[in-house]
Amino acid sequence: MTSNSDIAYADNKRWEQLISCHMPNLRIFDIRHEVWPKHADNNQLMLDTQINPFTSSFWIERKWFFTYQFRQSRFSDYTIFYSTNPYRRRTYILYEQSAGKICLNTEKTILNSVRHVYVQNEKGVINCMNYFPNATELTLKYNMSVCRDSILKTITNILPVQQLTKLVIETHYFSLIKISKLLYFMPNIQILALKSIPLYGYTYEDIEKNKIFQIVSNRNTIRDVTLEETSTLDKIQLLLKLCPRMQHLSLETRAKNLKAIIRLLFDETNRNVHPLNSLCLLGASECWQQKIYRLVQSENLNITYTVKYIRSNLWLWW
């Protein structure tokens, strides 16, 4: 259960009475509660009067443990109170802990239920007291550090990177070289989603000649790629070289690039080399559908394809 602001959800006595009287056989109690006090000092007062009683024998006997964090935002400080052990959610968010964290149970926890680890900040990984042995999906948030080579080492401390099948990078600052280094240690990635792929002074030739890039290109099995930034033809070609077994590509682009992209993907030589067979143009204009029809006819492209416009996205299959 997830709730916001209403302090009644953090009243341990009401929970104890409700569970004892109406749910005596309850086995799993999983809660995430956010409290936004009007004054910063109320954070500590709220914890002392409401949350600390969750360490009573009622909770310990049932092996229900909790953690709370102080968080800072642009507008206000707030507190997150949530279950830790046993943990039943499939997604676990590692928050930035710059404002402090207090654990009501210091025992290191193995969280078997978690499949998706969402990292908001590298400090959250470094200070993490949990391990996620069954995680298959990793998301790196926008404020994740990219300037050090310690990212992979810190991530390895919380989950087995070789079993990951989905990697989502929600930051604009990971270069394609940095992404290649991550993928080098994640050989089973099937789905890759990127915010952008800045070059940071590298030429396309530099990237293609990079040894890590070449190794990853030769061995990865990535089937589905999403690139959210406005994509140029050159960057699409780099993605095709990095992920030569790609079957589906989602991207944003401009109308002026549409013709070159369709020519590239519908080219018979490329279709014989790459297994790519579907494309989603994110945030596309509906009129692009007619542009593609006219382009295929005018260029006499020998291809059977389908185009559909669905919820501001243009889908192509061939």
C-alpha atoms as a PDB file:
ATOM      1  CA  MET A   1       0.000   0.000   0.000  1.00  0.00           C
ATOM      2  CA  THR A   2       1.260   3.484  -0.904  1.00  0.00           C
ATOM      3  CA  SER A   3      -0.040   6.706   0.655  1.00  0.00           C
ATOM      4  CA  ASN A   4       0.861  10.389   0.885  1.00  0.00           C
ATOM      5  CA  SER A   5       0.548  13.101   3.541  1.00  0.00           C
ATOM      6  CA  ASP A   6      -2.200  11.563   5.737  1.00  0.00           C
ATOM      7  CA  ILE A   7      -0.414  10.908   9.045  1.00  0.00           C
ATOM      8  CA  ALA A   8      -3.138   8.431  10.046  1.00  0.00           C
ATOM      9  CA  TYR A   9      -1.410   5.861   7.847  1.00  0.00           C
ATOM     10  CA  ALA A  10       1.606   6.047  10.168  1.00  0.00           C
ATOM     11  CA  ASP A  11      -0.420   5.366  13.330  1.00  0.00           C
ATOM     12  CA  ASN A  12       0.946   2.069  14.610  1.00  0.00           C
ATOM     13  CA  LYS A  13      -1.827   1.553  17.203  1.00  0.00           C
ATOM     14  CA  ARG A  14      -4.572   1.748  14.594  1.00  0.00           C
ATOM     15  CA  TRP A  15      -2.702  -0.702  12.396  1.00  0.00           C
ATOM     16  CA  GLU A  16      -2.151  -3.099  15.297  1.00  0.00           C
ATOM     17  CA  GLN A  17      -5.847  -3.023  16.208  1.00  0.00           C
ATOM     18  CA  LEU A  18      -6.983  -3.428  12.592  1.00  0.00           C
ATOM     19  CA  ILE A  19      -4.671  -6.361  11.947  1.00  0.00           C
ATOM     20  CA  SER A  20      -5.345  -8.089  15.282  1.00  0.00           C
ATOM     21  CA  CYS A  21      -9.128  -7.824  14.983  1.00  0.00           C
ATOM     22  CA  HIS A  22      -9.753  -8.219  11.279  1.00  0.00           C
ATOM     23  CA  MET A  23      -6.629  -9.721   9.681  1.00  0.00           C
ATOM     24  CA  PRO A  24      -5.060 -12.011  12.298  1.00  0.00           C
ATOM     25  CA  ASN A  25      -3.560 -14.279   9.629  1.00  0.00           C
ATOM     26  CA  LEU A  26      -1.957 -11.462   7.650  1.00  0.00           C
ATOM     27  CA  ARG A  27       1.480 -12.588   6.531  1.00  0.00           C
ATOM     28  CA  ILE A  28       2.745  -9.637   4.466  1.00  0.00           C
ATOM     29  CA  PHE A  29       2.538  -5.983   5.505  1.00  0.00           C
ATOM     30  CA  ASP A  30       4.117  -3.775   2.850  1.00  0.00           C
ATOM     31  CA  ILE A  31       3.736  -0.002   3.100  1.00  0.00           C
ATOM     32  CA  ARG A  32       5.282   3.125   1.594  1.00  0.00           C
ATOM     33  CA  HIS A  33       4.162   6.424   3.127  1.00  0.00           C
ATOM     34  CA  GLU A  34       5.301   9.998   2.376  1.00  0.00           C
ATOM     35  CA  VAL A  35       4.777  12.852   4.835  1.00  0.00           C
ATOM     36  CA  TRP A  36       5.196  16.500   3.836  1.00  0.00           C
ATOM     37  CA  PRO A  37       5.137  18.617   7.037  1.00  0.00           C
ATOM     38  CA  LYS A  38       4.486  22.340   6.899  1.00  0.00           C
ATOM     39  CA  HIS A  39       7.594  23.003   8.967  1.00  0.00           C
ATOM     40  CA  ALA A  40      10.945  21.199   8.732  1.00  0.00           C
ATOM     41  CA  ASP A  41      11.069  20.635  12.525  1.00  0.00           C
ATOM     42  CA  ASN A  42       7.862  18.618  12.282  1.00  0.00           C
ATOM     43  CA  ASN A  43       9.754  15.858  10.475  1.00  0.00           C
ATOM     44  CA  GLN A  44      11.595  14.741  13.609  1.00  0.00           C
ATOM     45  CA  LEU A  45       8.527  15.265  15.807  1.00  0.00           C
ATOM     46  CA  MET A  46       6.445  13.100  13.492  1.00  0.00           C
ATOM     47  CA  LEU A  47       9.051  10.334  13.612  1.00  0.00           C
ATOM     48  CA  ASP A  48       9.316  10.405  17.400  1.00  0.00           C
ATOM     49  CA  THR A  49       5.561  10.276  17.973  1.00  0.00           C
ATOM     50  CA  GLN A  50       4.295   8.188  15.068  1.00  0.00           C
ATOM     51  CA  ILE A  51       6.890   5.989  13.413  1.00  0.00           C
ATOM     52  CA  ASN A  52       9.251   4.885  16.185  1.00  0.00           C
ATOM     53  CA  PRO A  53       6.477   2.790  17.857  1.00  0.00           C
ATOM     54  CA  PHE A  54       6.643   0.533  14.792  1.00  0.00           C
ATOM     55  CA  THR A  55       9.560  -1.140  16.610  1.00  0.00           C
ATOM     56  CA  SER A  56       7.244  -2.647  19.235  1.00  0.00           C
ATOM     57  CA  SER A  57       6.993  -6.392  19.831  1.00  0.00           C
ATOM     58  CA  PHE A  58       3.840  -6.571  17.676  1.00  0.00           C
ATOM     59  CA  TRP A  59       5.917  -5.789  14.574  1.00  0.00           C
ATOM     60  CA  ILE A  60       9.107  -7.578  15.576  1.00  0.00           C
ATOM     61  CA  GLU A  61       7.300 -10.861  16.305  1.00  0.00           C
ATOM     62  CA  ARG A  62       5.834 -10.801  12.796  1.00  0.00           C
ATOM     63  CA  LYS A  63       9.235  -9.890  11.337  1.00  0.00           C
ATOM     64  CA  TRP A  64       7.884  -6.699   9.810  1.00  0.00           C
ATOM     65  CA  PHE A  65      10.614  -4.070   9.743  1.00  0.00           C
ATOM     66  CA  PHE A  66      10.711  -0.515   8.457  1.00  0.00           C
ATOM     67  CA  THR A  67      13.027   2.275   7.396  1.00  0.00           C
ATOM     68  CA  TYR A  68      12.502   5.985   6.996  1.00  0.00           C
ATOM     69  CA  GLN A  69      14.441   8.627   5.106  1.00  0.00           C
ATOM     70  CA  PHE A  70      14.566  12.396   5.241  1.00  0.00           C
ATOM     71  CA  ARG A  71      14.398  13.768   1.708  1.00  0.00           C
ATOM     72  CA  GLN A  72      14.965  17.265   0.373  1.00  0.00           C
ATOM     73  CA  SER A  73      13.159  18.755  -2.593  1.00  0.00           C
ATOM     74  CA  ARG A  74      13.109  22.190  -4.156  1.00  0.00           C
ATOM     75  CA  PHE A  75       9.978  23.161  -2.234  1.00  0.00           C
ATOM     76  CA  SER A  76      10.065  21.293   1.062  1.00  0.00           C
ATOM     77  CA  ASP A  77      11.666  18.606   3.179  1.00  0.00           C
ATOM     78  CA  TYR A  78       9.688  15.417   3.582  1.00  0.00           C
ATOM     79  CA  THR A  79       9.936  11.930   5.035  1.00  0.00           C
ATOM     80  CA  ILE A  80       9.467   8.524   3.418  1.00  0.00           C
ATOM     81  CA  PHE A  81       8.486   5.612   5.647  1.00  0.00           C
ATOM     82  CA  TYR A  82       8.477   2.149   4.070  1.00  0.00           C
ATOM     83  CA  SER A  83       8.739  -1.594   4.628  1.00  0.00           C
ATOM     84  CA  THR A  84      12.121  -3.253   4.261  1.00  0.00           C
ATOM     85  CA  ASN A  85      12.134  -6.836   5.495  1.00  0.00           C
ATOM     86  CA  PRO A  86      10.284  -8.842   4.344  1.00  0.00           C
ATOM     87  CA  TYR A  87      10.018  -6.829   1.140  1.00  0.00           C
ATOM     88  CA  ARG A  88       7.431  -7.810  -1.473  1.00  0.00           C
ATOM     89  CA  ARG A  89       7.570  -5.119  -4.131  1.00  0.00           C
ATOM     90  CA  ARG A  90       9.009  -5.973  -7.513  1.00  0.00           C
ATOM     91  CA  THR A  91      10.530  -2.488  -7.867  1.00  0.00           C
ATOM     92  CA  TYR A  92      12.960  -0.955  -5.382  1.00  0.00           C
ATOM     93  CA  ILE A  93      13.952   2.724  -5.576  1.00  0.00           C
ATOM     94  CA  LEU A  94      17.341   3.750  -4.196  1.00  0.00           C
ATOM     95  CA  TYR A  95      16.901   7.355  -3.106  1.00  0.00           C
ATOM     96  CA  GLU A  96      19.523  10.007  -2.562  1.00  0.00           C
ATOM     97  CA  GLN A  97      20.381  10.008   1.120  1.00  0.00           C
ATOM     98  CA  SER A  98      21.951  13.430   1.474  1.00  0.00           C
ATOM     99  CA  ALA A  99      19.419  14.469   4.113  1.00  0.00           C
ATOM    100  CA  GLY A 100      19.973  11.408   6.271  1.00  0.00           C
ATOM    101  CA  LYS A 101      18.537   7.962   6.714  1.00  0.00           C
ATOM    102  CA  ILE A 102      17.524   6.113   9.854  1.00  0.00           C
ATOM    103  CA  CYS A 103      17.057   2.354   9.828  1.00  0.00           C
ATOM    104  CA  LEU A 104      14.783   0.688  12.347  1.00  0.00           C
ATOM    105  CA  ASN A 105      16.407  -2.625  11.495  1.00  0.00           C
ATOM    106  CA  THR A 106      20.153  -2.693  10.776  1.00  0.00           C
ATOM    107  CA  GLU A 107      20.278  -6.282   9.568  1.00  0.00           C
ATOM    108  CA  LYS A 108      21.512  -6.566   5.987  1.00  0.00           C
ATOM    109  CA  THR A 109      18.595  -7.699   3.876  1.00  0.00           C
ATOM    110  CA  ILE A 110      18.382  -9.984   0.854  1.00  0.00           C
ATOM    111  CA  LEU A 111      15.387  -8.833  -1.198  1.00  0.00           C
ATOM    112  CA  ASN A 112      14.399 -11.803  -3.343  1.00  0.00           C
ATOM    113  CA  SER A 113      11.146 -10.310  -4.644  1.00  0.00           C
ATOM    114  CA  VAL A 114      12.732  -7.315  -6.389  1.00  0.00           C
ATOM    115  CA  ARG A 115      13.074  -7.545 -10.156  1.00  0.00           C
ATOM    116  CA  HIS A 116      13.622  -3.852 -10.968  1.00  0.00           C
ATOM    117  CA  VAL A 117      16.185  -1.646  -9.179  1.00  0.00           C
ATOM    118  CA  TYR A 118      15.747   2.086  -9.797  1.00  0.00           C
ATOM    119  CA  VAL A 119      18.863   4.092  -8.874  1.00  0.00           C
ATOM    120  CA  GLN A 120      18.372   7.826  -8.365  1.00  0.00           C
ATOM    121  CA  ASN A 121      21.837   8.636  -7.037  1.00  0.00           C
ATOM    122  CA  GLU A 122      25.189   6.907  -6.730  1.00  0.00           C
ATOM    123  CA  LYS A 123      25.291   7.627  -2.985  1.00  0.00           C
ATOM    124  CA  GLY A 124      22.151   5.574  -2.635  1.00  0.00           C
ATOM    125  CA  VAL A 125      23.994   2.589  -4.132  1.00  0.00           C
ATOM    126  CA  ILE A 126      27.102   3.076  -1.997  1.00  0.00           C
ATOM    127  CA  ASN A 127      25.068   3.237   1.230  1.00  0.00           C
ATOM    128  CA  CYS A 128      22.633   0.491   0.270  1.00  0.00           C
ATOM    129  CA  MET A 129      22.320  -2.249   2.888  1.00  0.00           C
ATOM    130  CA  ASN A 130      20.329  -4.541   0.598  1.00  0.00           C
ATOM    131  CA  TYR A 131      21.174  -7.052  -2.115  1.00  0.00           C
ATOM    132  CA  PHE A 132      18.847  -7.904  -5.003  1.00  0.00           C
ATOM    133  CA  PRO A 133      19.785 -11.407  -6.206  1.00  0.00           C
ATOM    134  CA  ASN A 134      16.865 -11.749  -8.635  1.00  0.00           C
ATOM    135  CA  ALA A 135      16.944  -8.302 -10.246  1.00  0.00           C
ATOM    136  CA  THR A 136      16.746  -8.365 -14.044  1.00  0.00           C
ATOM    137  CA  GLU A 137      16.067  -4.671 -14.748  1.00  0.00           C
ATOM    138  CA  LEU A 138      18.194  -1.646 -13.836  1.00  0.00           C
ATOM    139  CA  THR A 139      17.293   2.036 -14.245  1.00  0.00           C
ATOM    140  CA  LEU A 140      19.869   4.797 -13.749  1.00  0.00           C
ATOM    141  CA  LYS A 141      18.262   8.161 -13.003  1.00  0.00           C
ATOM    142  CA  TYR A 142      19.255  11.591 -14.370  1.00  0.00           C
ATOM    143  CA  ASN A 143      21.434  12.597 -11.386  1.00  0.00           C
ATOM    144  CA  MET A 144      23.540   9.436 -11.434  1.00  0.00           C
ATOM    145  CA  SER A 145      27.265  10.233 -11.480  1.00  0.00           C
ATOM    146  CA  VAL A 146      28.949   9.605 -14.821  1.00  0.00           C
ATOM    147  CA  CYS A 147      32.354  11.170 -14.228  1.00  0.00           C
ATOM    148  CA  ARG A 148      33.891   8.180 -12.425  1.00  0.00           C
ATOM    149  CA  ASP A 149      34.525   4.606 -13.438  1.00  0.00           C
ATOM    150  CA  SER A 150      33.170   3.404 -10.076  1.00  0.00           C
ATOM    151  CA  ILE A 151      29.574   3.158 -11.299  1.00  0.00           C
ATOM    152  CA  LEU A 152      29.819  -0.478 -12.312  1.00  0.00           C
ATOM    153  CA  LYS A 153      31.679  -1.445  -9.134  1.00  0.00           C
ATOM    154  CA  THR A 154      29.028   0.114  -6.900  1.00  0.00           C
ATOM    155  CA  ILE A 155      26.196  -1.486  -8.866  1.00  0.00           C
ATOM    156  CA  THR A 156      27.881  -4.898  -8.649  1.00  0.00           C
ATOM    157  CA  ASN A 157      27.695  -4.599  -4.861  1.00  0.00           C
ATOM    158  CA  ILE A 158      23.885  -4.609  -4.913  1.00  0.00           C
ATOM    159  CA  LEU A 159      22.919  -6.953  -7.762  1.00  0.00           C
ATOM    160  CA  PRO A 160      24.363  -9.543 -10.201  1.00  0.00           C
ATOM    161  CA  VAL A 161      24.860  -7.451 -13.348  1.00  0.00           C
ATOM    162  CA  GLN A 162      25.342 -10.449 -15.653  1.00  0.00           C
ATOM    163  CA  GLN A 163      21.739 -11.567 -15.244  1.00  0.00           C
ATOM    164  CA  LEU A 164      20.241  -8.170 -16.163  1.00  0.00           C
ATOM    165  CA  THR A 165      18.033  -8.241 -19.253  1.00  0.00           C
ATOM    166  CA  LYS A 166      16.861  -4.605 -19.308  1.00  0.00           C
ATOM    167  CA  LEU A 167      18.896  -1.415 -18.880  1.00  0.00           C
ATOM    168  CA  VAL A 168      17.284   2.040 -18.786  1.00  0.00           C
ATOM    169  CA  ILE A 169      19.501   5.141 -18.639  1.00  0.00           C
ATOM    170  CA  GLU A 170      17.468   8.239 -17.761  1.00  0.00           C
ATOM    171  CA  THR A 171      20.328  10.730 -17.964  1.00  0.00           C
ATOM    172  CA  HIS A 172      21.560  12.847 -20.852  1.00  0.00           C
ATOM    173  CA  TYR A 173      25.191  12.514 -19.783  1.00  0.00           C
ATOM    174  CA  PHE A 174      26.142   8.925 -20.601  1.00  0.00           C
ATOM    175  CA  SER A 175      28.250   8.894 -23.753  1.00  0.00           C
ATOM    176  CA  LEU A 176      28.019   5.942 -26.115  1.00  0.00           C
ATOM    177  CA  ILE A 177      31.495   4.878 -24.950  1.00  0.00           C
ATOM    178  CA  LYS A 178      30.311   4.862 -21.323  1.00  0.00           C
ATOM    179  CA  ILE A 179      27.189   2.931 -22.315  1.00  0.00           C
ATOM    180  CA  SER A 180      29.365   0.395 -24.148  1.00  0.00           C
ATOM    181  CA  LYS A 181      31.468  -0.100 -21.006  1.00  0.00           C
ATOM    182  CA  LEU A 182      28.342  -0.863 -18.987  1.00  0.00           C
ATOM    183  CA  LEU A 183      27.037  -3.267 -21.629  1.00  0.00           C
ATOM    184  CA  TYR A 184      30.397  -5.046 -21.688  1.00  0.00           C
ATOM    185  CA  PHE A 185      29.635  -6.366 -18.187  1.00  0.00           C
ATOM    186  CA  MET A 186      25.930  -6.936 -18.903  1.00  0.00           C
ATOM    187  CA  PRO A 187      26.014  -9.515 -21.715  1.00  0.00           C
ATOM    188  CA  ASN A 188      22.376 -10.603 -21.356  1.00  0.00           C
ATOM    189  CA  ILE A 189      20.681  -7.250 -21.911  1.00  0.00           C
ATOM    190  CA  GLN A 190      17.704  -7.650 -24.261  1.00  0.00           C
ATOM    191  CA  ILE A 191      16.075  -4.224 -23.869  1.00  0.00           C
ATOM    192  CA  LEU A 192      18.038  -0.959 -23.895  1.00  0.00           C
ATOM    193  CA  ALA A 193      16.416   2.459 -23.332  1.00  0.00           C
ATOM    194  CA  LEU A 194      18.482   5.642 -23.581  1.00  0.00           C
ATOM    195  CA  LYS A 195      17.714   9.292 -22.939  1.00  0.00           C
ATOM    196  CA  SER A 196      20.439  10.401 -25.344  1.00  0.00           C
ATOM    197  CA  ILE A 197      23.866   9.406 -26.666  1.00  0.00           C
ATOM    198  CA  PRO A 198      26.155  12.475 -26.529  1.00  0.00           C
ATOM    199  CA  LEU A 199      29.492  12.107 -28.301  1.00  0.00           C
ATOM    200  CA  TYR A 200      31.577  14.378 -26.016  1.00  0.00           C
ATOM    201  CA  GLY A 201      34.179  15.139 -28.668  1.00  0.00           C
ATOM    202  CA  TYR A 202      34.401  11.613 -30.062  1.00  0.00           C
ATOM    203  CA  THR A 203      33.975  11.283 -33.801  1.00  0.00           C
ATOM    204  CA  TYR A 204      31.811   8.513 -35.236  1.00  0.00           C
ATOM    205  CA  GLU A 205      35.009   6.858 -36.468  1.00  0.00           C
ATOM    206  CA  ASP A 206      36.519   7.005 -32.958  1.00  0.00           C
ATOM    207  CA  ILE A 207      33.487   5.252 -31.505  1.00  0.00           C
ATOM    208  CA  GLU A 208      33.363   2.550 -34.178  1.00  0.00           C
ATOM    209  CA  LYS A 209      37.075   1.806 -33.658  1.00  0.00           C
ATOM    210  CA  ASN A 210      36.781   1.641 -29.869  1.00  0.00           C
ATOM    211  CA  LYS A 211      37.663  -1.903 -28.734  1.00  0.00           C
ATOM    212  CA  ILE A 212      34.934  -2.114 -26.082  1.00  0.00           C
ATOM    213  CA  PHE A 213      32.361  -0.885 -28.613  1.00  0.00           C
ATOM    214  CA  GLN A 214      33.467  -3.577 -31.077  1.00  0.00           C
ATOM    215  CA  ILE A 215      33.407  -6.367 -28.490  1.00  0.00           C
ATOM    216  CA  VAL A 216      29.942  -5.383 -27.270  1.00  0.00           C
ATOM    217  CA  SER A 217      28.715  -5.140 -30.858  1.00  0.00           C
ATOM    218  CA  ASN A 218      29.950  -8.645 -31.645  1.00  0.00           C
ATOM    219  CA  ARG A 219      28.471 -10.414 -28.650  1.00  0.00           C
ATOM    220  CA  ASN A 220      25.407  -8.539 -27.314  1.00  0.00           C
ATOM    221  CA  THR A 221      21.890  -9.884 -27.913  1.00  0.00           C
ATOM    222  CA  ILE A 222      19.952  -6.627 -27.587  1.00  0.00           C
ATOM    223  CA  ARG A 223      16.629  -6.899 -29.429  1.00  0.00           C
ATOM    224  CA  ASP A 224      14.764  -3.727 -28.441  1.00  0.00           C
ATOM    225  CA  VAL A 225      16.244  -0.195 -28.343  1.00  0.00           C
ATOM    226  CA  THR A 226      14.660   3.152 -27.429  1.00  0.00           C
ATOM    227  CA  LEU A 227      16.360   6.520 -27.960  1.00  0.00           C
ATOM    228  CA  GLU A 228      14.373   9.473 -26.624  1.00  0.00           C
ATOM    229  CA  GLU A 229      16.496  12.317 -27.982  1.00  0.00           C
ATOM    230  CA  THR A 230      15.879  13.777 -31.440  1.00  0.00           C
ATOM    231  CA  SER A 231      17.819  11.293 -33.544  1.00  0.00           C
ATOM    232  CA  THR A 232      19.995  11.988 -36.554  1.00  0.00           C
ATOM    233  CA  LEU A 233      20.856   9.472 -39.240  1.00  0.00           C
ATOM    234  CA  ASP A 234      24.429   9.145 -37.949  1.00  0.00           C
ATOM    235  CA  LYS A 235      23.305   8.220 -34.432  1.00  0.00           C
ATOM    236  CA  ILE A 236      20.835   5.671 -35.763  1.00  0.00           C
ATOM    237  CA  GLN A 237      23.643   4.080 -37.772  1.00  0.00           C
ATOM    238  CA  LEU A 238      25.776   3.938 -34.617  1.00  0.00           C
ATOM    239  CA  LEU A 239      22.954   2.200 -32.747  1.00  0.00           C
ATOM    240  CA  LEU A 240      22.585  -0.318 -35.570  1.00  0.00           C
ATOM    241  CA  LYS A 241      26.309  -1.048 -35.357  1.00  0.00           C
ATOM    242  CA  LEU A 242      26.274  -1.308 -31.574  1.00  0.00           C
ATOM    243  CA  CYS A 243      23.178  -3.532 -31.602  1.00  0.00           C
ATOM    244  CA  PRO A 244      23.309  -5.481 -34.897  1.00  0.00           C
ATOM    245  CA  ARG A 245      20.689  -7.998 -33.666  1.00  0.00           C
ATOM    246  CA  MET A 246      18.128  -5.297 -32.927  1.00  0.00           C
ATOM    247  CA  GLN A 247      14.584  -6.170 -34.026  1.00  0.00           C
ATOM    248  CA  HIS A 248      12.692  -3.092 -32.826  1.00  0.00           C
ATOM    249  CA  LEU A 249      13.740   0.572 -32.598  1.00  0.00           C
ATOM    250  CA  SER A 250      11.855   3.470 -30.962  1.00  0.00           C
ATOM    251  CA  LEU A 251      13.119   7.017 -31.435  1.00  0.00           C
ATOM    252  CA  GLU A 252      12.282  10.671 -31.812  1.00  0.00           C
ATOM    253  CA  THR A 253      13.246  12.583 -34.944  1.00  0.00           C
ATOM    254  CA  ARG A 254      12.343  15.623 -37.016  1.00  0.00           C
ATOM    255  CA  ALA A 255      10.436  15.704 -40.285  1.00  0.00           C
ATOM    256  CA  LYS A 256      13.572  16.760 -42.168  1.00  0.00           C
ATOM    257  CA  ASN A 257      15.291  13.492 -41.139  1.00  0.00           C
ATOM    258  CA  LEU A 258      12.353  11.236 -41.974  1.00  0.00           C
ATOM    259  CA  LYS A 259      13.246  10.556 -45.590  1.00  0.00           C
ATOM    260  CA  ALA A 260      16.864   9.592 -44.826  1.00  0.00           C
ATOM    261  CA  ILE A 261      15.804   7.312 -41.952  1.00  0.00           C
ATOM    262  CA  ILE A 262      13.209   5.456 -44.041  1.00  0.00           C
ATOM    263  CA  ARG A 263      15.696   5.039 -46.879  1.00  0.00           C
ATOM    264  CA  LEU A 264      18.250   3.614 -44.463  1.00  0.00           C
ATOM    265  CA  LEU A 265      15.895   1.158 -42.771  1.00  0.00           C
ATOM    266  CA  PHE A 266      14.042   0.096 -45.926  1.00  0.00           C
ATOM    267  CA  ASP A 267      17.204  -0.327 -47.956  1.00  0.00           C
ATOM    268  CA  GLU A 268      17.333  -3.918 -49.219  1.00  0.00           C
ATOM    269  CA  THR A 269      21.017  -4.361 -48.358  1.00  0.00           C
ATOM    270  CA  ASN A 270      20.457  -3.224 -44.773  1.00  0.00           C
ATOM    271  CA  ARG A 271      17.408  -5.459 -44.445  1.00  0.00           C
ATOM    272  CA  ASN A 272      19.509  -8.446 -45.488  1.00  0.00           C
ATOM    273  CA  VAL A 273      22.128  -7.589 -42.851  1.00  0.00           C
ATOM    274  CA  HIS A 274      19.977  -6.417 -39.913  1.00  0.00           C
ATOM    275  CA  PRO A 275      16.992  -8.306 -38.438  1.00  0.00           C
ATOM    276  CA  LEU A 276      15.293  -4.990 -37.606  1.00  0.00           C
ATOM    277  CA  ASN A 277      11.635  -5.282 -38.601  1.00  0.00           C
ATOM    278  CA  SER A 278       9.738  -2.571 -36.712  1.00  0.00           C
ATOM    279  CA  LEU A 279      10.100   1.120 -35.927  1.00  0.00           C
ATOM    280  CA  CYS A 280       8.212   3.456 -33.599  1.00  0.00           C
ATOM    281  CA  LEU A 281       8.547   7.205 -34.228  1.00  0.00           C
ATOM    282  CA  LEU A 282       7.814   8.825 -30.869  1.00  0.00           C
ATOM    283  CA  GLY A 283       5.751  11.999 -30.834  1.00  0.00           C
ATOM    284  CA  ALA A 284       5.346  11.912 -34.612  1.00  0.00           C
ATOM    285  CA  SER A 285       2.900  13.957 -36.649  1.00  0.00           C
ATOM    286  CA  GLU A 286       0.013  12.034 -38.192  1.00  0.00           C
ATOM    287  CA  CYS A 287       0.820  13.536 -41.607  1.00  0.00           C
ATOM    288  CA  TRP A 288       4.103  11.602 -41.616  1.00  0.00           C
ATOM    289  CA  GLN A 289       2.102   8.509 -42.511  1.00  0.00           C
ATOM    290  CA  GLN A 290       1.302   9.929 -45.958  1.00  0.00           C
ATOM    291  CA  LYS A 291       4.882  11.123 -46.374  1.00  0.00           C
ATOM    292  CA  ILE A 292       6.120   7.568 -45.899  1.00  0.00           C
ATOM    293  CA  TYR A 293       3.594   6.206 -48.415  1.00  0.00           C
ATOM    294  CA  ARG A 294       4.718   8.751 -51.009  1.00  0.00           C
ATOM    295  CA  LEU A 295       8.399   8.129 -50.307  1.00  0.00           C
ATOM    296  CA  VAL A 296       8.133   4.357 -50.754  1.00  0.00           C
ATOM    297  CA  GLN A 297       6.237   4.824 -54.029  1.00  0.00           C
ATOM    298  CA  SER A 298       8.538   7.495 -55.450  1.00  0.00           C
ATOM    299  CA  GLU A 299      11.693   5.550 -54.592  1.00  0.00           C
ATOM    300  CA  ASN A 300      10.262   2.218 -55.817  1.00  0.00           C
ATOM    301  CA  LEU A 301      11.329   0.552 -52.595  1.00  0.00           C
ATOM    302  CA  ASN A 302      10.683  -3.165 -52.864  1.00  0.00           C
ATOM    303  CA  ILE A 303       9.195  -3.803 -49.430  1.00  0.00           C
ATOM    304  CA  THR A 304       5.948  -4.941 -47.844  1.00  0.00           C
ATOM    305  CA  TYR A 305       5.150  -2.835 -44.798  1.00  0.00           C
ATOM    306  CA  THR A 306       2.384  -1.595 -42.501  1.00  0.00           C
ATOM    307  CA  VAL A 307       2.011   1.878 -40.984  1.00  0.00           C
ATOM    308  CA  LYS A 308      -0.265   2.816 -38.077  1.00  0.00           C
ATOM    309  CA  TYR A 309      -0.628   6.016 -36.077  1.00  0.00           C
ATOM    310  CA  ILE A 310      -1.332   5.188 -32.418  1.00  0.00           C
ATOM    311  CA  ARG A 311      -1.492   7.763 -29.617  1.00  0.00           C
ATOM    312  CA  SER A 312       0.947  10.303 -31.087  1.00  0.00           C
ATOM    313  CA  ASN A 313       3.368   7.577 -32.182  1.00  0.00           C
ATOM    314  CA  LEU A 314       3.851   6.298 -35.711  1.00  0.00           C
ATOM    315  CA  TRP A 315       4.469   2.542 -35.951  1.00  0.00           C
ATOM    316  CA  LEU A 316       5.987   0.737 -38.912  1.00  0.00           C
ATOM    317  CA  TRP A 317       6.328  -3.018 -39.433  1.00  0.00           C
ATOM    318  CA  TRP A 318       7.981  -4.757 -42.401  1.00  0.00           C
END
